[in-house]
PDB file of all heavy atoms in Angstrom:
ATOM      1  N   THR A   1      70.883  -9.755  -9.467  1.00  0.00           N
ATOM      2  CA  THR A   1      70.503 -11.081  -8.986  1.00  0.00           C
ATOM      3  C   THR A   1      69.295 -11.587  -9.764  1.00  0.00           C
ATOM      4  O   THR A   1      68.608 -10.831 -10.467  1.00  0.00           O
ATOM      5  CB  THR A   1      70.145 -11.024  -7.492  1.00  0.00           C
ATOM      6  OG1 THR A   1      68.982 -10.194  -7.326  1.00  0.00           O
ATOM      7  CG2 THR A   1      71.296 -10.446  -6.679  1.00  0.00           C
ATOM      8  N   ALA A   2      69.027 -12.872  -9.596  1.00  0.00           N
ATOM      9  CA  ALA A   2      67.848 -13.443 -10.233  1.00  0.00           C
ATOM     10  C   ALA A   2      66.587 -12.745  -9.730  1.00  0.00           C
ATOM     11  O   ALA A   2      65.643 -12.504 -10.502  1.00  0.00           O
ATOM     12  CB  ALA A   2      67.782 -14.945  -9.949  1.00  0.00           C
ATOM     13  N   GLU A   3      66.553 -12.391  -8.442  1.00  0.00           N
ATOM     14  CA  GLU A   3      65.386 -11.710  -7.897  1.00  0.00           C
ATOM     15  C   GLU A   3      65.167 -10.356  -8.570  1.00  0.00           C
ATOM     16  O   GLU A   3      64.049 -10.013  -8.953  1.00  0.00           O
ATOM     17  CB  GLU A   3      65.549 -11.507  -6.382  1.00  0.00           C
ATOM     18  CG  GLU A   3      64.372 -10.791  -5.741  1.00  0.00           C
ATOM     19  CD  GLU A   3      64.573 -10.527  -4.265  1.00  0.00           C
ATOM     20  OE1 GLU A   3      65.730 -10.486  -3.813  1.00  0.00           O
ATOM     21  OE2 GLU A   3      63.562 -10.339  -3.560  1.00  0.00           O
ATOM     22  N   THR A   4      66.261  -9.588  -8.730  1.00  0.00           N
ATOM     23  CA  THR A   4      66.139  -8.275  -9.369  1.00  0.00           C
ATOM     24  C   THR A   4      65.708  -8.415 -10.820  1.00  0.00           C
ATOM     25  O   THR A   4      64.841  -7.668 -11.302  1.00  0.00           O
ATOM     26  CB  THR A   4      67.474  -7.517  -9.290  1.00  0.00           C
ATOM     27  OG1 THR A   4      67.915  -7.470  -7.932  1.00  0.00           O
ATOM     28  CG2 THR A   4      67.324  -6.106  -9.818  1.00  0.00           C
ATOM     29  N   ALA A   5      66.308  -9.353 -11.535  1.00  0.00           N
ATOM     30  CA  ALA A   5      65.928  -9.569 -12.931  1.00  0.00           C
ATOM     31  C   ALA A   5      64.464  -9.962 -13.042  1.00  0.00           C
ATOM     32  O   ALA A   5      63.743  -9.485 -13.939  1.00  0.00           O
ATOM     33  CB  ALA A   5      66.825 -10.634 -13.561  1.00  0.00           C
ATOM     34  N   ASP A   6      63.992 -10.795 -12.130  1.00  0.00           N
ATOM     35  CA  ASP A   6      62.592 -11.214 -12.171  1.00  0.00           C
ATOM     36  C   ASP A   6      61.649 -10.053 -11.873  1.00  0.00           C
ATOM     37  O   ASP A   6      60.560  -9.956 -12.456  1.00  0.00           O
ATOM     38  CB  ASP A   6      62.355 -12.353 -11.179  1.00  0.00           C
ATOM     39  CG  ASP A   6      62.902 -13.679 -11.676  1.00  0.00           C
ATOM     40  OD1 ASP A   6      63.269 -13.754 -12.866  1.00  0.00           O
ATOM     41  OD2 ASP A   6      62.956 -14.635 -10.882  1.00  0.00           O
ATOM     42  N   ILE A   7      62.053  -9.165 -10.957  1.00  0.00           N
ATOM     43  CA  ILE A   7      61.238  -7.978 -10.689  1.00  0.00           C
ATOM     44  C   ILE A   7      61.085  -7.155 -11.968  1.00  0.00           C
ATOM     45  O   ILE A   7      60.000  -6.661 -12.290  1.00  0.00           O
ATOM     46  CB  ILE A   7      61.877  -7.132  -9.559  1.00  0.00           C
ATOM     47  CG1 ILE A   7      61.757  -7.860  -8.217  1.00  0.00           C
ATOM     48  CG2 ILE A   7      61.220  -5.756  -9.470  1.00  0.00           C
ATOM     49  CD1 ILE A   7      62.543  -7.202  -7.099  1.00  0.00           C
ATOM     50  N   ALA A   8      62.196  -7.001 -12.700  1.00  0.00           N
ATOM     51  CA  ALA A   8      62.150  -6.246 -13.957  1.00  0.00           C
ATOM     52  C   ALA A   8      61.275  -6.945 -14.988  1.00  0.00           C
ATOM     53  O   ALA A   8      60.375  -6.332 -15.592  1.00  0.00           O
ATOM     54  CB  ALA A   8      63.567  -6.068 -14.501  1.00  0.00           C
ATOM     55  N   HIS A   9      61.521  -8.231 -15.214  1.00  0.00           N
ATOM     56  CA  HIS A   9      60.828  -8.948 -16.289  1.00  0.00           C
ATOM     57  C   HIS A   9      59.335  -9.088 -16.009  1.00  0.00           C
ATOM     58  O   HIS A   9      58.514  -9.024 -16.941  1.00  0.00           O
ATOM     59  CB  HIS A   9      61.450 -10.327 -16.483  1.00  0.00           C
ATOM     60  CG  HIS A   9      62.906 -10.299 -16.824  1.00  0.00           C
ATOM     61  ND1 HIS A   9      63.501  -9.238 -17.469  1.00  0.00           N
ATOM     62  CD2 HIS A   9      63.907 -11.211 -16.592  1.00  0.00           C
ATOM     63  CE1 HIS A   9      64.792  -9.490 -17.624  1.00  0.00           C
ATOM     64  NE2 HIS A   9      65.058 -10.673 -17.113  1.00  0.00           N
ATOM     65  N   SER A  10      58.968  -9.271 -14.730  1.00  0.00           N
ATOM     66  CA  SER A  10      57.555  -9.426 -14.407  1.00  0.00           C
ATOM     67  C   SER A  10      56.780  -8.144 -14.676  1.00  0.00           C
ATOM     68  O   SER A  10      55.544  -8.171 -14.762  1.00  0.00           O
ATOM     69  CB  SER A  10      57.388  -9.843 -12.945  1.00  0.00           C
ATOM     70  OG  SER A  10      57.820  -8.807 -12.067  1.00  0.00           O
ATOM     71  N   ARG A  11      57.508  -7.046 -14.841  1.00  0.00           N
ATOM     72  CA  ARG A  11      56.876  -5.761 -15.160  1.00  0.00           C
ATOM     73  C   ARG A  11      57.171  -5.335 -16.592  1.00  0.00           C
ATOM     74  O   ARG A  11      56.953  -4.187 -16.960  1.00  0.00           O
ATOM     75  CB  ARG A  11      57.316  -4.715 -14.148  1.00  0.00           C
ATOM     76  CG  ARG A  11      56.719  -4.988 -12.765  1.00  0.00           C
ATOM     77  CD  ARG A  11      57.531  -4.375 -11.641  1.00  0.00           C
ATOM     78  NE  ARG A  11      56.871  -4.615 -10.344  1.00  0.00           N
ATOM     79  CZ  ARG A  11      57.013  -5.717  -9.618  1.00  0.00           C
ATOM     80  NH1 ARG A  11      57.779  -6.718 -10.074  1.00  0.00           N
ATOM     81  NH2 ARG A  11      56.398  -5.858  -8.456  1.00  0.00           N
ATOM     82  N   GLY A  12      57.694  -6.272 -17.371  1.00  0.00           N
ATOM     83  CA  GLY A  12      57.857  -6.040 -18.800  1.00  0.00           C
ATOM     84  C   GLY A  12      59.133  -5.349 -19.208  1.00  0.00           C
ATOM     85  O   GLY A  12      59.240  -4.893 -20.353  1.00  0.00           O
ATOM     86  N   PHE A  13      60.133  -5.270 -18.327  1.00  0.00           N
ATOM     87  CA  PHE A  13      61.362  -4.535 -18.612  1.00  0.00           C
ATOM     88  C   PHE A  13      62.557  -5.459 -18.803  1.00  0.00           C
ATOM     89  O   PHE A  13      62.657  -6.528 -18.186  1.00  0.00           O
ATOM     90  CB  PHE A  13      61.693  -3.582 -17.463  1.00  0.00           C
ATOM     91  CG  PHE A  13      60.926  -2.295 -17.487  1.00  0.00           C
ATOM     92  CD1 PHE A  13      59.591  -2.267 -17.092  1.00  0.00           C
ATOM     93  CD2 PHE A  13      61.523  -1.117 -17.890  1.00  0.00           C
ATOM     94  CE1 PHE A  13      58.865  -1.086 -17.101  1.00  0.00           C
ATOM     95  CE2 PHE A  13      60.810   0.071 -17.910  1.00  0.00           C
ATOM     96  CZ  PHE A  13      59.483   0.089 -17.522  1.00  0.00           C
ATOM     97  N   ALA A  14      63.480  -5.025 -19.651  1.00  0.00           N
ATOM     98  CA  ALA A  14      64.832  -5.569 -19.671  1.00  0.00           C
ATOM     99  C   ALA A  14      65.672  -4.748 -18.693  1.00  0.00           C
ATOM    100  O   ALA A  14      65.289  -3.659 -18.272  1.00  0.00           O
ATOM    101  CB  ALA A  14      65.421  -5.497 -21.072  1.00  0.00           C
ATOM    102  N   LEU A  15      66.833  -5.275 -18.358  1.00  0.00           N
ATOM    103  CA  LEU A  15      67.700  -4.622 -17.390  1.00  0.00           C
ATOM    104  C   LEU A  15      69.132  -4.668 -17.906  1.00  0.00           C
ATOM    105  O   LEU A  15      69.596  -5.709 -18.384  1.00  0.00           O
ATOM    106  CB  LEU A  15      67.580  -5.344 -16.049  1.00  0.00           C
ATOM    107  CG  LEU A  15      68.241  -4.775 -14.810  1.00  0.00           C
ATOM    108  CD1 LEU A  15      67.796  -3.345 -14.553  1.00  0.00           C
ATOM    109  CD2 LEU A  15      67.896  -5.650 -13.604  1.00  0.00           C
ATOM    110  N   VAL A  16      69.809  -3.528 -17.847  1.00  0.00           N
ATOM    111  CA  VAL A  16      71.214  -3.442 -18.272  1.00  0.00           C
ATOM    112  C   VAL A  16      72.038  -2.952 -17.101  1.00  0.00           C
ATOM    113  O   VAL A  16      71.627  -2.047 -16.369  1.00  0.00           O
ATOM    114  CB  VAL A  16      71.376  -2.486 -19.471  1.00  0.00           C
ATOM    115  CG1 VAL A  16      72.835  -2.067 -19.661  1.00  0.00           C
ATOM    116  CG2 VAL A  16      70.865  -3.147 -20.744  1.00  0.00           C
ATOM    117  N   GLU A  17      73.200  -3.552 -16.925  1.00  0.00           N
ATOM    118  CA  GLU A  17      74.106  -3.106 -15.863  1.00  0.00           C
ATOM    119  C   GLU A  17      75.503  -2.938 -16.433  1.00  0.00           C
ATOM    120  O   GLU A  17      75.968  -3.745 -17.232  1.00  0.00           O
ATOM    121  CB  GLU A  17      74.121  -4.119 -14.722  1.00  0.00           C
ATOM    122  CG  GLU A  17      74.943  -3.651 -13.524  1.00  0.00           C
ATOM    123  CD  GLU A  17      74.863  -4.628 -12.367  1.00  0.00           C
ATOM    124  OE1 GLU A  17      75.262  -5.803 -12.552  1.00  0.00           O
ATOM    125  OE2 GLU A  17      74.406  -4.235 -11.281  1.00  0.00           O
ATOM    126  N   PHE A  18      76.173  -1.843 -16.017  1.00  0.00           N
ATOM    127  CA  PHE A  18      77.570  -1.640 -16.387  1.00  0.00           C
ATOM    128  C   PHE A  18      78.330  -1.140 -15.173  1.00  0.00           C
ATOM    129  O   PHE A  18      77.738  -0.747 -14.158  1.00  0.00           O
ATOM    130  CB  PHE A  18      77.693  -0.666 -17.567  1.00  0.00           C
ATOM    131  CG  PHE A  18      77.397   0.780 -17.225  1.00  0.00           C
ATOM    132  CD1 PHE A  18      78.433   1.688 -17.001  1.00  0.00           C
ATOM    133  CD2 PHE A  18      76.088   1.230 -17.143  1.00  0.00           C
ATOM    134  CE1 PHE A  18      78.164   3.011 -16.694  1.00  0.00           C
ATOM    135  CE2 PHE A  18      75.809   2.563 -16.839  1.00  0.00           C
ATOM    136  CZ  PHE A  18      76.845   3.455 -16.615  1.00  0.00           C
ATOM    137  N   ASN A  19      79.633  -1.162 -15.272  1.00  0.00           N
ATOM    138  CA  ASN A  19      80.508  -0.738 -14.184  1.00  0.00           C
ATOM    139  C   ASN A  19      80.937   0.696 -14.434  1.00  0.00           C
ATOM    140  O   ASN A  19      81.814   0.967 -15.247  1.00  0.00           O
ATOM    141  CB  ASN A  19      81.721  -1.671 -14.125  1.00  0.00           C
ATOM    142  CG  ASN A  19      82.748  -1.221 -13.099  1.00  0.00           C
ATOM    143  OD1 ASN A  19      82.544  -0.251 -12.368  1.00  0.00           O
ATOM    144  ND2 ASN A  19      83.870  -1.925 -13.047  1.00  0.00           N
ATOM    145  N   ARG A  20      80.324   1.652 -13.721  1.00  0.00           N
ATOM    146  CA  ARG A  20      80.655   3.060 -13.948  1.00  0.00           C
ATOM    147  C   ARG A  20      82.111   3.370 -13.594  1.00  0.00           C
ATOM    148  O   ARG A  20      82.695   4.299 -14.145  1.00  0.00           O
ATOM    149  CB  ARG A  20      79.701   3.960 -13.157  1.00  0.00           C
ATOM    150  CG  ARG A  20      79.619   3.647 -11.705  1.00  0.00           C
ATOM    151  CD  ARG A  20      78.565   4.507 -10.986  1.00  0.00           C
ATOM    152  NE  ARG A  20      78.115   3.882  -9.765  1.00  0.00           N
ATOM    153  CZ  ARG A  20      78.809   3.850  -8.636  1.00  0.00           C
ATOM    154  NH1 ARG A  20      79.988   4.432  -8.571  1.00  0.00           N
ATOM    155  NH2 ARG A  20      78.326   3.258  -7.569  1.00  0.00           N
ATOM    156  N   CYS A  21      82.697   2.573 -12.691  1.00  0.00           N
ATOM    157  CA  CYS A  21      84.083   2.835 -12.298  1.00  0.00           C
ATOM    158  C   CYS A  21      85.076   2.434 -13.379  1.00  0.00           C
ATOM    159  O   CYS A  21      86.275   2.717 -13.261  1.00  0.00           O
ATOM    160  CB  CYS A  21      84.403   2.124 -10.986  1.00  0.00           C
ATOM    161  SG  CYS A  21      83.508   2.802  -9.587  1.00  0.00           S
ATOM    162  N   ALA A  22      84.586   1.784 -14.436  1.00  0.00           N
ATOM    163  CA  ALA A  22      85.454   1.536 -15.585  1.00  0.00           C
ATOM    164  C   ALA A  22      85.695   2.821 -16.361  1.00  0.00           C
ATOM    165  O   ALA A  22      86.624   2.890 -17.181  1.00  0.00           O
ATOM    166  CB  ALA A  22      84.834   0.477 -16.497  1.00  0.00           C
ATOM    167  N   LEU A  23      84.877   3.842 -16.130  1.00  0.00           N
ATOM    168  CA  LEU A  23      85.059   5.134 -16.781  1.00  0.00           C
ATOM    169  C   LEU A  23      85.982   6.034 -15.967  1.00  0.00           C
ATOM    170  O   LEU A  23      86.943   6.601 -16.489  1.00  0.00           O
ATOM    171  CB  LEU A  23      83.709   5.830 -16.982  1.00  0.00           C
ATOM    172  CG  LEU A  23      82.802   5.156 -17.995  1.00  0.00           C
ATOM    173  CD1 LEU A  23      81.604   4.551 -17.311  1.00  0.00           C
ATOM    174  CD2 LEU A  23      82.360   6.139 -19.054  1.00  0.00           C
ATOM    175  N   VAL A  24      85.653   6.198 -14.688  1.00  0.00           N
ATOM    176  CA  VAL A  24      86.467   6.979 -13.762  1.00  0.00           C
ATOM    177  C   VAL A  24      86.484   6.212 -12.449  1.00  0.00           C
ATOM    178  O   VAL A  24      85.432   5.804 -11.954  1.00  0.00           O
ATOM    179  CB  VAL A  24      85.884   8.400 -13.540  1.00  0.00           C
ATOM    180  CG1 VAL A  24      86.756   9.187 -12.566  1.00  0.00           C
ATOM    181  CG2 VAL A  24      85.755   9.150 -14.856  1.00  0.00           C
ATOM    182  N   SER A  25      87.678   6.028 -11.881  1.00  0.00           N
ATOM    183  CA  SER A  25      87.788   5.230 -10.663  1.00  0.00           C
ATOM    184  C   SER A  25      87.137   5.944  -9.482  1.00  0.00           C
ATOM    185  O   SER A  25      86.926   7.166  -9.489  1.00  0.00           O
ATOM    186  CB  SER A  25      89.257   4.940 -10.357  1.00  0.00           C
ATOM    187  OG  SER A  25      89.950   6.150 -10.078  1.00  0.00           O
ATOM    188  N   ASP A  26      86.839   5.176  -8.465  1.00  0.00           N
ATOM    189  CA  ASP A  26      86.199   5.702  -7.258  1.00  0.00           C
ATOM    190  C   ASP A  26      87.016   5.254  -6.057  1.00  0.00           C
ATOM    191  O   ASP A  26      86.882   4.123  -5.605  1.00  0.00           O
ATOM    192  CB  ASP A  26      84.762   5.179  -7.165  1.00  0.00           C
ATOM    193  CG  ASP A  26      83.976   5.838  -6.051  1.00  0.00           C
ATOM    194  OD1 ASP A  26      84.423   6.886  -5.549  1.00  0.00           O
ATOM    195  OD2 ASP A  26      82.915   5.306  -5.693  1.00  0.00           O
ATOM    196  N   PRO A  27      87.880   6.130  -5.512  1.00  0.00           N
ATOM    197  CA  PRO A  27      88.725   5.726  -4.381  1.00  0.00           C
ATOM    198  C   PRO A  27      87.883   5.300  -3.193  1.00  0.00           C
ATOM    199  O   PRO A  27      86.815   5.882  -2.942  1.00  0.00           O
ATOM    200  CB  PRO A  27      89.520   7.002  -4.058  1.00  0.00           C
ATOM    201  CG  PRO A  27      89.452   7.825  -5.286  1.00  0.00           C
ATOM    202  CD  PRO A  27      88.135   7.515  -5.919  1.00  0.00           C
ATOM    203  N   PRO A  28      88.330   4.293  -2.451  1.00  0.00           N
ATOM    204  CA  PRO A  28      87.550   3.850  -1.286  1.00  0.00           C
ATOM    205  C   PRO A  28      87.514   4.934  -0.220  1.00  0.00           C
ATOM    206  O   PRO A  28      88.420   5.767  -0.110  1.00  0.00           O
ATOM    207  CB  PRO A  28      88.313   2.613  -0.807  1.00  0.00           C
ATOM    208  CG  PRO A  28      89.706   2.799  -1.314  1.00  0.00           C
ATOM    209  CD  PRO A  28      89.553   3.504  -2.630  1.00  0.00           C
ATOM    210  N   PHE A  29      86.448   4.903   0.579  1.00  0.00           N
ATOM    211  CA  PHE A  29      86.304   5.885   1.652  1.00  0.00           C
ATOM    212  C   PHE A  29      87.382   5.669   2.707  1.00  0.00           C
ATOM    213  O   PHE A  29      87.791   4.546   2.990  1.00  0.00           O
ATOM    214  CB  PHE A  29      84.925   5.752   2.298  1.00  0.00           C
ATOM    215  CG  PHE A  29      84.780   6.565   3.551  1.00  0.00           C
ATOM    216  CD1 PHE A  29      84.527   7.927   3.463  1.00  0.00           C
ATOM    217  CD2 PHE A  29      84.926   5.985   4.794  1.00  0.00           C
ATOM    218  CE1 PHE A  29      84.406   8.694   4.617  1.00  0.00           C
ATOM    219  CE2 PHE A  29      84.797   6.738   5.938  1.00  0.00           C
ATOM    220  CZ  PHE A  29      84.547   8.095   5.853  1.00  0.00           C
ATOM    221  N   ARG A  30      87.860   6.750   3.283  1.00  0.00           N
ATOM    222  CA  ARG A  30      88.712   6.647   4.455  1.00  0.00           C
ATOM    223  C   ARG A  30      88.325   7.759   5.428  1.00  0.00           C
ATOM    224  O   ARG A  30      87.717   8.759   5.039  1.00  0.00           O
ATOM    225  CB  ARG A  30      90.196   6.762   4.094  1.00  0.00           C
ATOM    226  CG  ARG A  30      90.657   8.145   3.699  1.00  0.00           C
ATOM    227  CD  ARG A  30      92.182   8.199   3.635  1.00  0.00           C
ATOM    228  NE  ARG A  30      92.659   9.496   3.183  1.00  0.00           N
ATOM    229  CZ  ARG A  30      92.788  10.560   3.950  1.00  0.00           C
ATOM    230  NH1 ARG A  30      92.432  10.492   5.222  1.00  0.00           N
ATOM    231  NH2 ARG A  30      93.241  11.707   3.469  1.00  0.00           N
ATOM    232  N   ASP A  31      88.688   7.569   6.691  1.00  0.00           N
ATOM    233  CA  ASP A  31      88.358   8.545   7.719  1.00  0.00           C
ATOM    234  C   ASP A  31      89.042   9.871   7.406  1.00  0.00           C
ATOM    235  O   ASP A  31      90.230   9.914   7.085  1.00  0.00           O
ATOM    236  CB  ASP A  31      88.819   8.021   9.078  1.00  0.00           C
ATOM    237  CG  ASP A  31      88.475   8.977  10.207  1.00  0.00           C
ATOM    238  OD1 ASP A  31      87.507   9.744  10.061  1.00  0.00           O
ATOM    239  OD2 ASP A  31      89.179   8.948  11.229  1.00  0.00           O
ATOM    240  N   VAL A  32      88.296  10.962   7.468  1.00  0.00           N
ATOM    241  CA  VAL A  32      88.862  12.280   7.184  1.00  0.00           C
ATOM    242  C   VAL A  32      88.794  13.171   8.412  1.00  0.00           C
ATOM    243  O   VAL A  32      88.830  14.392   8.305  1.00  0.00           O
ATOM    244  CB  VAL A  32      88.129  12.963   5.999  1.00  0.00           C
ATOM    245  CG1 VAL A  32      88.374  12.204   4.718  1.00  0.00           C
ATOM    246  CG2 VAL A  32      86.630  13.081   6.282  1.00  0.00           C
ATOM    247  N   SER A  33      88.721  12.551   9.605  1.00  0.00           N
ATOM    248  CA  SER A  33      88.637  13.344  10.818  1.00  0.00           C
ATOM    249  C   SER A  33      89.882  14.189  11.023  1.00  0.00           C
ATOM    250  O   SER A  33      89.842  15.221  11.697  1.00  0.00           O
ATOM    251  CB  SER A  33      88.408  12.432  12.034  1.00  0.00           C
ATOM    252  OG  SER A  33      89.432  11.472  12.146  1.00  0.00           O
ATOM    253  N   GLY A  34      91.007  13.760  10.430  1.00  0.00           N
ATOM    254  CA  GLY A  34      92.239  14.534  10.561  1.00  0.00           C
ATOM    255  C   GLY A  34      92.400  15.611   9.519  1.00  0.00           C
ATOM    256  O   GLY A  34      93.424  16.298   9.479  1.00  0.00           O
ATOM    257  N   GLY A  35      91.418  15.773   8.651  1.00  0.00           N
ATOM    258  CA  GLY A  35      91.495  16.787   7.609  1.00  0.00           C
ATOM    259  C   GLY A  35      91.140  16.210   6.268  1.00  0.00           C
ATOM    260  O   GLY A  35      90.887  15.008   6.130  1.00  0.00           O
TER     261      GLY A  35
END
């Protein structure tokens, strides 16, 4: 977000973001009470 980017820049940092699930997928959580 703009807020997060501003937090980074106000402290002298650049910020990079990538989608880790583009490397290996992450199945959504489901209830495992049955095993």
